[in-house]
Amino acid sequence: MFQSARGTIRDVVFVDGVRTPFGKAKGVYAETRADDLVVRVIRELLRRNPSLPPERVDDVAIAATTQIGDQGLTIGRVAAILSGLPETVPGYAIDRMCAGAVTAVTTTASAIGVGAYDVAIAGGVEHMGRHPMGEAADPNPRFVSERLVDPSALVMGMTAENLHDRFPKITKERADAYAVRSQEKVAKAYADGRIQPDLVPVAARHTDSGWDLVTADEPPRPGTTMEGLASLRTPFRPHGRVTAGNSAGINDGATGCILAAAEVAEELGLTRKMTLVGFGFAGVAPEVMGVGPIPSTEKALARTGLTIDDIGLFELNEAFAVQVLAFLDHFGIDDDDPRVNPYGGAIAFGHPLASSGVRLMTQLARQFEDHPEVRYGLTAMCVGFGMGATTIWENPHHTGA
């Protein structure tokens, strides 16, 4: 428990997290609304935690990067009403692009810490099949005309190519090898039953074929090989290094979690899967946004008094393999370190932008159960327009060994 100038800050715990299976854009959720995906998540959180009276939820924060259509209209409030929460429960929308759900968590957790809330639901959604990144956006021309940012900053794949330029030791072959391992780890995690407990099945309607019950992620490509990845085109640059195989896809999905003050969780009989230690956000040059998790992690470590050696598990969002590898190189971590993304990552699962942060947290919470010898873990991700986001969590199952 930390102290502030105004008194004691309450411990905030991650009670539970779930997500929909992730789909490919124009895939299983092609005719499913984004807000309905969020509703399914919120209802599942309440179903799995029956000792939480719905009226005790103080706020619902839902992130989306493209806040139009069925992702608009203050989606946190809309989803709360559609989910059957009492009308007295407010809600709001939040946007920090890929770190939207992370920001929903840190914002509501901060409110819990200072006593403004006792319990909150935080998460994110992205239906990239309906709403491609940047749809209806109107970037100020001064960004480019006044050279405030490099033009490549507006295309995420170009920023990944820029990272390869900056770090020539991160070759395409190394990125492809990382991607193959991610696919292999996801396949093993599914085979071991480690992913399924936190997935909420979704009934998805299709005009031509009727209803389908979606129970597993659509994007993974088991059996991916180095030979197969070597043959893929490089869409962002001739003879480039970034391909569809060593990047996350364009995806649809929703995530959500329950956060509570530690003493309130105990009062209500709620689980404590993780305890928030601290977090950090940082800005970097937008054209190399993939390095963002490096300074955000350094900031989070410095503010919590920890070092990278204290971290026993890492959940890093794999927007691009090169971005993860840059993080690992900076902190002296091997490409195949078993502490990093033990269940695989977004290269296989997919990356529905604003929703992904809570997927990282949910997987970290599951891994804490498996590793009582680990005290601290972190989630980190790069963010469009040159940012990074990091959260640090403590394992309640830690044995002190």
Foldseek 3Di string as FASTA:
>chain_A
DDADPVGFFFWKFFQAKFKAQKEAQCGQQVPPFFLVQLLLRVLVQCVVQVLDDLQQAAEEEEEEADADDSNHPFSRQVSCVVNPRDNNYYYGYADQWQQQQVCQVVVVSRCQRVPVHFKHKTFYWFNCNVPPRQVPNDDDPCVDVVPVAPPLLVPVLQLLLVLCVVPVVCALLNLLVLLLVLLVLQVVCVVVVLRQVRHRWDWHADPVPGTDTRRHHDQRDPPDDSVVVVPFARVPDHVTRFGLRQAFHAITMMMMTMMGRPVVCVVSVTHGLWIFQFKFKDFDRSSNLLQQQQVRVVVGCVVNVHDPVLAQAEEEARRGSSSVVVNCVVNVHDSVPCRYPSNHHRSRSHRSRSRVVSVSVNSVSSVLVVCLCRFKHKYKYGTRNGMIMMTMIGGPSRPPD
